[in-house]
Protein backbone atom coordinates (compact mmCIF):
# COMPACT_ATOMS: atom_id res chain seq x y z
CA MET A 1 -7.96 -178.42 106.68
CA THR A 2 -5.52 -177.16 104.16
CA TYR A 3 -4.87 -178.08 100.94
CA ASP A 4 -1.74 -179.73 101.72
CA GLU A 5 -3.01 -181.98 104.44
CA LEU A 6 -5.63 -182.83 101.94
CA CYS A 7 -3.02 -183.96 99.71
CA GLU A 8 -1.15 -185.83 102.65
CA GLU A 9 -4.97 -187.85 103.30
CA TYR A 10 -4.88 -188.81 99.63
CA ALA A 11 -1.22 -189.81 100.00
CA LYS A 12 -2.49 -192.62 102.50
CA THR A 13 -5.05 -194.24 100.62
CA ASP A 14 -4.17 -196.43 97.44
CA SER A 15 -5.81 -193.66 95.00
CA PHE A 16 -4.26 -192.92 91.95
CA MET A 17 -5.90 -189.41 91.42
CA GLU A 18 -4.48 -186.61 93.25
CA PRO A 19 -6.56 -183.51 94.15
CA GLN A 20 -6.26 -180.73 92.34
CA ILE A 21 -7.25 -177.15 93.04
CA SER A 22 -6.59 -174.04 90.09
CA LEU A 23 -5.98 -170.64 91.08
CA GLU A 24 -8.83 -167.56 90.97
CA ASP A 25 -9.85 -167.79 87.44
CA ASP A 26 -12.60 -167.58 85.30
CA TRP A 27 -14.82 -170.14 83.98
CA MET A 28 -17.89 -170.77 82.11
CA VAL A 29 -20.81 -173.04 83.34
CA PHE A 30 -22.56 -174.98 81.00
CA ASP A 31 -25.92 -175.04 82.36
CA SER A 32 -27.71 -178.42 80.06
CA GLU A 33 -30.66 -180.33 80.24
CA ASP A 34 -28.42 -183.46 79.00
CA GLU A 35 -25.26 -182.64 80.45
CA GLY A 36 -26.18 -180.85 83.69
CA ILE A 37 -23.37 -178.19 85.00
CA ILE A 38 -20.31 -178.36 82.97
CA TYR A 39 -17.50 -176.23 84.08
CA ILE A 40 -14.80 -175.06 81.72
CA ASN A 41 -12.09 -172.57 82.31
CA TYR A 42 -12.75 -169.72 80.33
CA GLU A 43 -8.90 -170.05 78.23
CA ASP A 44 -9.73 -173.34 77.53
CA ILE A 45 -12.70 -172.12 75.26
CA LEU A 46 -12.76 -171.05 71.55
CA LEU A 47 -15.59 -168.54 71.65
CA ARG A 48 -16.83 -167.67 67.94
CA ASP A 49 -18.74 -164.86 68.66
CA GLY A 50 -16.53 -162.46 70.29
CA PRO A 51 -16.73 -161.45 73.77
CA CYS A 52 -18.70 -163.42 76.20
CA SER A 53 -21.84 -162.62 78.06
CA ASP A 54 -24.65 -164.72 79.05
CA ARG A 55 -25.91 -166.50 76.35
CA LYS A 56 -27.28 -169.68 74.29
CA TYR A 57 -24.46 -172.11 73.61
CA ASP A 58 -24.07 -174.83 70.83
CA LEU A 59 -22.58 -177.82 72.24
CA PRO A 60 -22.46 -180.94 70.65
CA GLY A 61 -25.54 -182.26 71.05
CA CYS A 62 -27.34 -180.03 73.02
CA LYS A 63 -28.28 -176.51 73.72
CA CYS A 64 -26.71 -174.53 77.12
CA ILE A 65 -27.07 -171.45 78.62
CA MET A 66 -23.46 -169.99 79.48
CA GLN A 67 -22.66 -168.00 81.38
CA ARG A 68 -18.93 -166.81 83.19
CA ILE A 69 -18.12 -166.57 86.82
CA VAL A 70 -14.37 -166.23 88.96
CA GLY A 71 -13.87 -169.29 91.50
CA TYR A 72 -11.70 -172.14 91.93
CA GLY A 73 -11.47 -175.55 90.08
CA ALA A 74 -11.50 -178.82 92.41
CA ARG A 75 -10.90 -182.04 91.03
CA LEU A 76 -9.10 -185.17 91.27
CA SER A 77 -6.64 -186.36 88.40
CA ALA A 78 -4.06 -188.97 87.60
CA PRO A 79 -0.56 -187.10 87.24
CA GLY A 80 0.89 -188.82 84.00
CA TYR A 81 -2.70 -189.62 82.55
CA LEU A 82 -5.69 -188.15 80.69
CA ASP A 83 -7.69 -189.34 83.68
CA CYS A 84 -9.53 -186.74 86.10
CA THR A 85 -12.80 -186.36 87.04
CA ASP A 86 -14.73 -182.99 85.62
CA TRP A 87 -14.09 -179.91 87.52
CA CYS A 88 -16.59 -178.16 90.18
CA VAL A 89 -16.05 -174.26 90.81
CA PHE A 90 -16.17 -172.47 94.58
CA ASP A 91 -15.83 -169.10 95.11
CA THR A 92 -13.43 -169.78 97.62
CA GLU A 93 -10.51 -172.03 98.08
CA GLN A 94 -11.60 -173.13 101.34
CA GLU A 95 -14.64 -174.30 99.70
CA ALA A 96 -13.08 -176.29 96.51
CA ILE A 97 -10.72 -177.88 99.67
CA ASP A 98 -13.75 -178.62 102.02
CA TYR A 99 -15.60 -180.35 98.15
CA LEU A 100 -12.28 -182.75 96.97
CA ALA A 101 -13.00 -183.56 100.91
CA GLU A 102 -16.28 -184.50 101.52
CA THR A 103 -17.38 -186.01 98.00
CA TYR A 104 -13.62 -187.77 97.35
CA LEU A 105 -12.49 -189.16 100.49
CA GLU A 106 -13.56 -192.15 102.81
CA TYR A 107 -13.24 -191.89 106.78
């Protein structure tokens, strides 16, 4: 399935959410016992300790292990609203498309 085909399939549903896949980009992965795995686009983070590397990082309410990765982000988003699912990041664009199709499309 291509991204255009994925969008066509979502258009057939009554969901107000639309698939969104980022270009290949830098992401930070936070692995926390409290919150699970969280992906945040690298440019959206202001790091207070200088250049990034694997290290502990404080998120509200938890200590996390942080790692910088490169990949394609995938989520559902409601255009014009703040509603969206959490980002998940994959090595290839096709893996991101497959994730959205398998996780959110009802066949």
